[in-house]
Amino acid sequence: TCVPLPLENVDTDQIIPARFLKATTREEKFFGDNLFRDW
């Protein structure tokens, strides 16, 4: 099944806001939990 996100021009700052870029290791749960954080 699918998750619909019918928005155009979704940029990487909306996908993961800049304040989360301090992490330098790929902790999947951390980043997954903050996907589209501000929305």
All heavy atoms as atom14 arrays in JSON, in Angstrom:
{
  "sequence": "TCVPLPLENVDTDQIIPARFLKATTREEKFFGDNLFRDW",
  "atom14_mask": [
    [1, 1, 1, 1, 1, 1, 1, 0, 0, 0, 0, 0, 0, 0],
    [1, 1, 1, 1, 1, 1, 0, 0, 0, 0, 0, 0, 0, 0],
    [1, 1, 1, 1, 1, 1, 1, 0, 0, 0, 0, 0, 0, 0],
    [1, 1, 1, 1, 1, 1, 1, 0, 0, 0, 0, 0, 0, 0],
    [1, 1, 1, 1, 1, 1, 1, 1, 0, 0, 0, 0, 0, 0],
    [1, 1, 1, 1, 1, 1, 1, 0, 0, 0, 0, 0, 0, 0],
    [1, 1, 1, 1, 1, 1, 1, 1, 0, 0, 0, 0, 0, 0],
    [1, 1, 1, 1, 1, 1, 1, 1, 1, 0, 0, 0, 0, 0],
    [1, 1, 1, 1, 1, 1, 1, 1, 0, 0, 0, 0, 0, 0],
    [1, 1, 1, 1, 1, 1, 1, 0, 0, 0, 0, 0, 0, 0],
    [1, 1, 1, 1, 1, 1, 1, 1, 0, 0, 0, 0, 0, 0],
    [1, 1, 1, 1, 1, 1, 1, 0, 0, 0, 0, 0, 0, 0],
    [1, 1, 1, 1, 1, 1, 1, 1, 0, 0, 0, 0, 0, 0],
    [1, 1, 1, 1, 1, 1, 1, 1, 1, 0, 0, 0, 0, 0],
    [1, 1, 1, 1, 1, 1, 1, 1, 0, 0, 0, 0, 0, 0],
    [1, 1, 1, 1, 1, 1, 1, 1, 0, 0, 0, 0, 0, 0],
    [1, 1, 1, 1, 1, 1, 1, 0, 0, 0, 0, 0, 0, 0],
    [1, 1, 1, 1, 1, 0, 0, 0, 0, 0, 0, 0, 0, 0],
    [1, 1, 1, 1, 1, 1, 1, 1, 1, 1, 1, 0, 0, 0],
    [1, 1, 1, 1, 1, 1, 1, 1, 1, 1, 1, 0, 0, 0],
    [1, 1, 1, 1, 1, 1, 1, 1, 0, 0, 0, 0, 0, 0],
    [1, 1, 1, 1, 1, 1, 1, 1, 1, 0, 0, 0, 0, 0],
    [1, 1, 1, 1, 1, 0, 0, 0, 0, 0, 0, 0, 0, 0],
    [1, 1, 1, 1, 1, 1, 1, 0, 0, 0, 0, 0, 0, 0],
    [1, 1, 1, 1, 1, 1, 1, 0, 0, 0, 0, 0, 0, 0],
    [1, 1, 1, 1, 1, 1, 1, 1, 1, 1, 1, 0, 0, 0],
    [1, 1, 1, 1, 1, 1, 1, 1, 1, 0, 0, 0, 0, 0],
    [1, 1, 1, 1, 1, 1, 1, 1, 1, 0, 0, 0, 0, 0],
    [1, 1, 1, 1, 1, 1, 1, 1, 1, 0, 0, 0, 0, 0],
    [1, 1, 1, 1, 1, 1, 1, 1, 1, 1, 1, 0, 0, 0],
    [1, 1, 1, 1, 1, 1, 1, 1, 1, 1, 1, 0, 0, 0],
    [1, 1, 1, 1, 0, 0, 0, 0, 0, 0, 0, 0, 0, 0],
    [1, 1, 1, 1, 1, 1, 1, 1, 0, 0, 0, 0, 0, 0],
    [1, 1, 1, 1, 1, 1, 1, 1, 0, 0, 0, 0, 0, 0],
    [1, 1, 1, 1, 1, 1, 1, 1, 0, 0, 0, 0, 0, 0],
    [1, 1, 1, 1, 1, 1, 1, 1, 1, 1, 1, 0, 0, 0],
    [1, 1, 1, 1, 1, 1, 1, 1, 1, 1, 1, 0, 0, 0],
    [1, 1, 1, 1, 1, 1, 1, 1, 0, 0, 0, 0, 0, 0],
    [1, 1, 1, 1, 1, 1, 1, 1, 1, 1, 1, 1, 1, 1]
  ],
  "atom14_positions": [
    [[0.86, -1.17, 0.0], [0.0, 0.0, 0.0], [0.91, 1.23, 0.0], [2.14, 1.12, 0.11], [-0.91, 0.0, 1.24], [-0.1, -0.18, 2.42], [-1.94, -1.11, 1.16], [0.0, 0.0, 0.0], [0.0, 0.0, 0.0], [0.0, 0.0, 0.0], [0.0, 0.0, 0.0], [0.0, 0.0, 0.0], [0.0, 0.0, 0.0], [0.0, 0.0, 0.0]],
    [[0.31, 2.4, -0.11], [1.09, 3.62, -0.31], [0.69, 4.74, 0.64], [-0.44, 4.79, 1.12], [0.91, 4.13, -1.74], [1.3, 2.92, -3.01], [0.0, 0.0, 0.0], [0.0, 0.0, 0.0], [0.0, 0.0, 0.0], [0.0, 0.0, 0.0], [0.0, 0.0, 0.0], [0.0, 0.0, 0.0], [0.0, 0.0, 0.0], [0.0, 0.0, 0.0]],
    [[1.64, 5.65, 0.86], [1.39, 6.88, 1.6], [1.41, 8.02, 0.58], [2.43, 8.23, -0.08], [2.45, 7.11, 2.68], [2.24, 8.46, 3.36], [2.41, 5.97, 3.71], [0.0, 0.0, 0.0], [0.0, 0.0, 0.0], [0.0, 0.0, 0.0], [0.0, 0.0, 0.0], [0.0, 0.0, 0.0], [0.0, 0.0, 0.0], [0.0, 0.0, 0.0]],
    [[0.3, 8.75, 0.43], [0.26, 9.82, -0.57], [0.74, 11.17, -0.01], [0.33, 11.59, 1.07], [-1.23, 9.9, -0.93], [-1.93, 9.5, 0.35], [-1.02, 8.52, 1.05], [0.0, 0.0, 0.0], [0.0, 0.0, 0.0], [0.0, 0.0, 0.0], [0.0, 0.0, 0.0], [0.0, 0.0, 0.0], [0.0, 0.0, 0.0], [0.0, 0.0, 0.0]],
    [[1.61, 11.82, -0.74], [2.09, 13.17, -0.38], [2.05, 14.01, -1.65], [3.07, 14.21, -2.31], [3.5, 13.11, 0.19], [4.07, 14.41, 0.75], [3.36, 14.78, 2.05], [5.57, 14.29, 0.98], [0.0, 0.0, 0.0], [0.0, 0.0, 0.0], [0.0, 0.0, 0.0], [0.0, 0.0, 0.0], [0.0, 0.0, 0.0], [0.0, 0.0, 0.0]],
    [[0.85, 14.5, -2.01], [0.68, 15.18, -3.31], [1.15, 16.63, -3.32], [0.45, 17.53, -3.77], [-0.83, 15.07, -3.53], [-1.4, 15.15, -2.15], [-0.41, 14.42, -1.26], [0.0, 0.0, 0.0], [0.0, 0.0, 0.0], [0.0, 0.0, 0.0], [0.0, 0.0, 0.0], [0.0, 0.0, 0.0], [0.0, 0.0, 0.0], [0.0, 0.0, 0.0]],
    [[2.36, 16.85, -2.82], [2.93, 18.19, -2.78], [4.09, 18.26, -3.76], [4.93, 17.36, -3.8], [3.43, 18.53, -1.37], [2.4, 18.49, -0.25], [3.07, 18.69, 1.1], [1.32, 19.54, -0.47], [0.0, 0.0, 0.0], [0.0, 0.0, 0.0], [0.0, 0.0, 0.0], [0.0, 0.0, 0.0], [0.0, 0.0, 0.0], [0.0, 0.0, 0.0]],
    [[4.17, 19.34, -4.52], [5.27, 19.53, -5.45], [6.41, 20.3, -4.77], [6.21, 21.0, -3.79], [4.8, 20.28, -6.69], [3.78, 19.5, -7.51], [3.47, 20.14, -8.85], [3.99, 21.25, -9.12], [2.72, 19.53, -9.63], [0.0, 0.0, 0.0], [0.0, 0.0, 0.0], [0.0, 0.0, 0.0], [0.0, 0.0, 0.0], [0.0, 0.0, 0.0]],
    [[7.61, 20.12, -5.31], [8.8, 20.85, -4.86], [9.11, 20.63, -3.37], [9.5, 21.56, -2.66], [8.63, 22.36, -5.13], [8.3, 22.64, -6.57], [8.96, 22.14, -7.48], [7.25, 23.43, -6.8], [0.0, 0.0, 0.0], [0.0, 0.0, 0.0], [0.0, 0.0, 0.0], [0.0, 0.0, 0.0], [0.0, 0.0, 0.0], [0.0, 0.0, 0.0]],
    [[8.95, 19.39, -2.92], [9.32, 19.05, -1.54], [10.84, 19.02, -1.47], [11.48, 18.19, -2.13], [8.72, 17.7, -1.12], [9.24, 17.28, 0.26], [7.2, 17.76, -1.11], [0.0, 0.0, 0.0], [0.0, 0.0, 0.0], [0.0, 0.0, 0.0], [0.0, 0.0, 0.0], [0.0, 0.0, 0.0], [0.0, 0.0, 0.0], [0.0, 0.0, 0.0]],
    [[11.43, 19.92, -0.68], [12.89, 19.98, -0.65], [13.44, 19.21, 0.55], [12.71, 18.75, 1.42], [13.38, 21.43, -0.68], [13.01, 22.24, 0.55], [13.03, 21.69, 1.67], [12.75, 23.46, 0.41], [0.0, 0.0, 0.0], [0.0, 0.0, 0.0], [0.0, 0.0, 0.0], [0.0, 0.0, 0.0], [0.0, 0.0, 0.0], [0.0, 0.0, 0.0]],
    [[14.76, 19.07, 0.56], [15.4, 18.22, 1.57], [15.28, 18.81, 2.97], [15.35, 18.07, 3.96], [16.87, 17.96, 1.22], [17.53, 19.22, 0.99], [16.98, 17.08, -0.01], [0.0, 0.0, 0.0], [0.0, 0.0, 0.0], [0.0, 0.0, 0.0], [0.0, 0.0, 0.0], [0.0, 0.0, 0.0], [0.0, 0.0, 0.0], [0.0, 0.0, 0.0]],
    [[15.1, 20.13, 3.09], [14.92, 20.74, 4.41], [13.55, 20.4, 4.97], [13.37, 20.33, 6.2], [15.1, 22.25, 4.35], [15.21, 22.86, 5.75], [16.1, 22.42, 6.51], [14.42, 23.75, 6.08], [0.0, 0.0, 0.0], [0.0, 0.0, 0.0], [0.0, 0.0, 0.0], [0.0, 0.0, 0.0], [0.0, 0.0, 0.0], [0.0, 0.0, 0.0]],
    [[12.59, 20.17, 4.1], [11.28, 19.72, 4.56], [11.3, 18.23, 4.9], [10.62, 17.78, 5.81], [10.22, 20.03, 3.49], [9.99, 21.53, 3.32], [9.37, 21.9, 1.99], [9.53, 21.2, 0.99], [8.66, 23.02, 1.97], [0.0, 0.0, 0.0], [0.0, 0.0, 0.0], [0.0, 0.0, 0.0], [0.0, 0.0, 0.0], [0.0, 0.0, 0.0]],
    [[12.11, 17.48, 4.15], [12.24, 16.04, 4.42], [12.91, 15.82, 5.77], [12.44, 15.04, 6.6], [13.02, 15.34, 3.3], [12.24, 15.44, 1.97], [13.27, 13.87, 3.65], [13.02, 14.97, 0.75], [0.0, 0.0, 0.0], [0.0, 0.0, 0.0], [0.0, 0.0, 0.0], [0.0, 0.0, 0.0], [0.0, 0.0, 0.0], [0.0, 0.0, 0.0]],
    [[14.02, 16.51, 6.03], [14.69, 16.45, 7.34], [15.28, 17.84, 7.62], [16.23, 18.26, 6.95], [15.78, 15.35, 7.39], [16.36, 15.19, 8.8], [16.86, 15.56, 6.36], [15.46, 14.51, 9.79], [0.0, 0.0, 0.0], [0.0, 0.0, 0.0], [0.0, 0.0, 0.0], [0.0, 0.0, 0.0], [0.0, 0.0, 0.0], [0.0, 0.0, 0.0]],
    [[14.71, 18.59, 8.55], [15.16, 19.96, 8.83], [16.64, 20.03, 9.2], [17.22, 19.1, 9.78], [14.27, 20.4, 9.99], [13.03, 19.57, 9.84], [13.52, 18.23, 9.33], [0.0, 0.0, 0.0], [0.0, 0.0, 0.0], [0.0, 0.0, 0.0], [0.0, 0.0, 0.0], [0.0, 0.0, 0.0], [0.0, 0.0, 0.0], [0.0, 0.0, 0.0]],
    [[17.25, 21.18, 8.9], [18.7, 21.37, 9.06], [19.17, 21.15, 10.49], [20.32, 20.73, 10.7], [19.09, 22.76, 8.59], [0.0, 0.0, 0.0], [0.0, 0.0, 0.0], [0.0, 0.0, 0.0], [0.0, 0.0, 0.0], [0.0, 0.0, 0.0], [0.0, 0.0, 0.0], [0.0, 0.0, 0.0], [0.0, 0.0, 0.0], [0.0, 0.0, 0.0]],
    [[18.32, 21.39, 11.47], [18.77, 21.25, 12.86], [19.12, 19.81, 13.23], [19.74, 19.56, 14.26], [17.73, 21.81, 13.83], [16.4, 21.1, 13.84], [15.41, 21.84, 14.72], [14.1, 21.23, 14.77], [13.14, 21.42, 13.87], [13.38, 22.19, 12.81], [11.96, 20.84, 14.01], [0.0, 0.0, 0.0], [0.0, 0.0, 0.0], [0.0, 0.0, 0.0]],
    [[18.71, 18.86, 12.39], [19.02, 17.46, 12.67], [20.3, 16.99, 11.96], [20.66, 15.83, 12.06], [17.85, 16.56, 12.26], [16.6, 16.83, 13.05], [15.52, 17.48, 12.48], [16.51, 16.45, 14.39], [14.37, 17.74, 13.21], [15.37, 16.7, 15.13], [14.3, 17.36, 14.55], [0.0, 0.0, 0.0], [0.0, 0.0, 0.0], [0.0, 0.0, 0.0]],
    [[20.98, 17.9, 11.28], [22.15, 17.51, 10.51], [23.42, 17.41, 11.36], [24.46, 17.02, 10.85], [22.4, 18.49, 9.35], [21.25, 18.69, 8.37], [21.74, 19.46, 7.16], [20.64, 17.38, 7.95], [0.0, 0.0, 0.0], [0.0, 0.0, 0.0], [0.0, 0.0, 0.0], [0.0, 0.0, 0.0], [0.0, 0.0, 0.0], [0.0, 0.0, 0.0]],
    [[23.32, 17.74, 12.64], [24.49, 17.63, 13.51], [24.91, 16.18, 13.68], [26.06, 15.89, 13.95], [24.2, 18.26, 14.87], [23.99, 19.77, 14.79], [23.6, 20.35, 16.14], [23.31, 21.84, 16.02], [22.83, 22.41, 17.3], [0.0, 0.0, 0.0], [0.0, 0.0, 0.0], [0.0, 0.0, 0.0], [0.0, 0.0, 0.0], [0.0, 0.0, 0.0]],
    [[23.95, 15.28, 13.55], [24.28, 13.86, 13.67], [25.13, 13.45, 12.47], [24.81, 13.77, 11.33], [23.0, 13.03, 13.72], [0.0, 0.0, 0.0], [0.0, 0.0, 0.0], [0.0, 0.0, 0.0], [0.0, 0.0, 0.0], [0.0, 0.0, 0.0], [0.0, 0.0, 0.0], [0.0, 0.0, 0.0], [0.0, 0.0, 0.0], [0.0, 0.0, 0.0]],
    [[26.22, 12.76, 12.74], [27.14, 12.37, 11.66], [27.1, 10.88, 11.37], [27.71, 10.41, 10.43], [28.58, 12.77, 12.01], [28.91, 12.19, 13.28], [28.72, 14.28, 12.07], [0.0, 0.0, 0.0], [0.0, 0.0, 0.0], [0.0, 0.0, 0.0], [0.0, 0.0, 0.0], [0.0, 0.0, 0.0], [0.0, 0.0, 0.0], [0.0, 0.0, 0.0]],
    [[26.39, 10.13, 12.22], [26.23, 8.7, 11.96], [24.79, 8.43, 11.57], [23.88, 9.16, 11.97], [26.58, 7.86, 13.2], [25.75, 8.25, 14.29], [28.05, 8.03, 13.55], [0.0, 0.0, 0.0], [0.0, 0.0, 0.0], [0.0, 0.0, 0.0], [0.0, 0.0, 0.0], [0.0, 0.0, 0.0], [0.0, 0.0, 0.0], [0.0, 0.0, 0.0]],
    [[24.63, 7.4, 10.78], [23.3, 7.09, 10.26], [22.52, 6.24, 11.26], [22.55, 5.02, 11.21], [23.42, 6.38, 8.92], [22.07, 6.03, 8.33], [22.24, 5.28, 7.04], [21.01, 4.64, 6.67], [20.8, 3.98, 5.55], [21.79, 3.87, 4.7], [19.66, 3.41, 5.29], [0.0, 0.0, 0.0], [0.0, 0.0, 0.0], [0.0, 0.0, 0.0]],
    [[21.83, 6.9, 12.18], [20.98, 6.2, 13.13], [19.56, 6.22, 12.55], [18.85, 7.21, 12.66], [21.03, 6.89, 14.5], [22.44, 6.9, 15.09], [22.55, 7.81, 16.31], [21.53, 7.99, 16.98], [23.65, 8.32, 16.55], [0.0, 0.0, 0.0], [0.0, 0.0, 0.0], [0.0, 0.0, 0.0], [0.0, 0.0, 0.0], [0.0, 0.0, 0.0]],
    [[19.18, 5.12, 11.93], [17.96, 5.1, 11.13], [16.72, 5.49, 11.92], [15.87, 6.22, 11.44], [17.77, 3.73, 10.49], [18.76, 3.46, 9.37], [18.37, 2.3, 8.48], [17.45, 1.55, 8.84], [18.99, 2.17, 7.42], [0.0, 0.0, 0.0], [0.0, 0.0, 0.0], [0.0, 0.0, 0.0], [0.0, 0.0, 0.0], [0.0, 0.0, 0.0]],
    [[16.6, 4.99, 13.15], [15.4, 5.3, 13.92], [15.31, 6.8, 14.21], [14.25, 7.4, 14.09], [15.37, 4.52, 15.23], [14.04, 4.7, 15.98], [13.96, 3.84, 17.22], [12.57, 3.88, 17.84], [12.01, 5.24, 17.99], [0.0, 0.0, 0.0], [0.0, 0.0, 0.0], [0.0, 0.0, 0.0], [0.0, 0.0, 0.0], [0.0, 0.0, 0.0]],
    [[16.46, 7.41, 14.56], [16.48, 8.85, 14.84], [16.0, 9.64, 13.64], [15.13, 10.51, 13.74], [17.9, 9.29, 15.23], [18.06, 10.78, 15.33], [17.61, 11.48, 16.43], [18.66, 11.5, 14.3], [17.75, 12.86, 16.52], [18.8, 12.88, 14.37], [18.34, 13.56, 15.49], [0.0, 0.0, 0.0], [0.0, 0.0, 0.0], [0.0, 0.0, 0.0]],
    [[16.56, 9.35, 12.47], [16.18, 10.11, 11.28], [14.76, 9.77, 10.84], [14.0, 10.65, 10.43], [17.2, 9.89, 10.16], [18.49, 10.59, 10.41], [19.61, 9.89, 10.82], [18.59, 11.96, 10.27], [20.81, 10.55, 11.08], [19.78, 12.63, 10.53], [20.89, 11.93, 10.94], [0.0, 0.0, 0.0], [0.0, 0.0, 0.0], [0.0, 0.0, 0.0]],
    [[14.4, 8.49, 10.92], [13.03, 8.11, 10.56], [12.0, 8.77, 11.44], [10.94, 9.2, 10.98], [0.0, 0.0, 0.0], [0.0, 0.0, 0.0], [0.0, 0.0, 0.0], [0.0, 0.0, 0.0], [0.0, 0.0, 0.0], [0.0, 0.0, 0.0], [0.0, 0.0, 0.0], [0.0, 0.0, 0.0], [0.0, 0.0, 0.0], [0.0, 0.0, 0.0]],
    [[12.31, 8.9, 12.72], [11.38, 9.55, 13.66], [11.2, 11.03, 13.35], [10.22, 11.64, 13.76], [11.87, 9.4, 15.1], [11.69, 7.99, 15.65], [10.95, 7.2, 15.01], [12.28, 7.68, 16.69], [0.0, 0.0, 0.0], [0.0, 0.0, 0.0], [0.0, 0.0, 0.0], [0.0, 0.0, 0.0], [0.0, 0.0, 0.0], [0.0, 0.0, 0.0]],
    [[12.18, 11.61, 12.66], [12.12, 13.04, 12.36], [11.87, 13.35, 10.89], [12.01, 14.49, 10.46], [13.4, 13.71, 12.85], [13.45, 13.74, 14.37], [12.65, 14.42, 15.01], [14.38, 12.99, 14.95], [0.0, 0.0, 0.0], [0.0, 0.0, 0.0], [0.0, 0.0, 0.0], [0.0, 0.0, 0.0], [0.0, 0.0, 0.0], [0.0, 0.0, 0.0]],
    [[11.48, 12.34, 10.13], [11.09, 12.56, 8.73], [9.92, 13.53, 8.67], [8.93, 13.36, 9.39], [10.69, 11.22, 8.09], [10.15, 11.27, 6.67], [11.23, 11.75, 5.69], [9.63, 9.89, 6.26], [0.0, 0.0, 0.0], [0.0, 0.0, 0.0], [0.0, 0.0, 0.0], [0.0, 0.0, 0.0], [0.0, 0.0, 0.0], [0.0, 0.0, 0.0]],
    [[10.03, 14.55, 7.84], [9.0, 15.59, 7.7], [8.63, 16.2, 9.06], [7.47, 16.5, 9.33], [7.74, 15.03, 7.02], [7.97, 14.49, 5.63], [7.68, 13.18, 5.32], [8.48, 15.31, 4.62], [7.88, 12.67, 4.05], [8.69, 14.81, 3.33], [8.39, 13.49, 3.05], [0.0, 0.0, 0.0], [0.0, 0.0, 0.0], [0.0, 0.0, 0.0]],
    [[9.63, 16.37, 9.91], [9.41, 16.78, 11.3], [8.5, 18.0, 11.44], [7.56, 18.0, 12.24], [10.76, 17.08, 11.96], [10.67, 17.62, 13.38], [10.31, 16.55, 14.37], [9.86, 17.09, 15.64], [9.84, 16.4, 16.77], [10.25, 15.14, 16.78], [9.39, 16.94, 17.89], [0.0, 0.0, 0.0], [0.0, 0.0, 0.0], [0.0, 0.0, 0.0]],
    [[8.75, 19.06, 10.67], [7.99, 20.3, 10.88], [6.57, 20.23, 10.33], [5.74, 21.07, 10.68], [8.74, 21.49, 10.27], [10.03, 21.78, 11.04], [10.15, 21.34, 12.2], [10.92, 22.45, 10.48], [0.0, 0.0, 0.0], [0.0, 0.0, 0.0], [0.0, 0.0, 0.0], [0.0, 0.0, 0.0], [0.0, 0.0, 0.0], [0.0, 0.0, 0.0]],
    [[6.29, 19.27, 9.47], [4.92, 19.03, 9.01], [4.22, 18.01, 9.9], [3.02, 18.08, 10.1], [4.92, 18.52, 7.57], [5.34, 19.53, 6.55], [5.39, 20.88, 6.7], [5.75, 19.26, 5.21], [5.82, 21.47, 5.55], [6.04, 20.49, 4.6], [5.92, 18.08, 4.47], [6.47, 20.61, 3.28], [6.34, 18.19, 3.15], [6.62, 19.44, 2.57]]
  ]
}
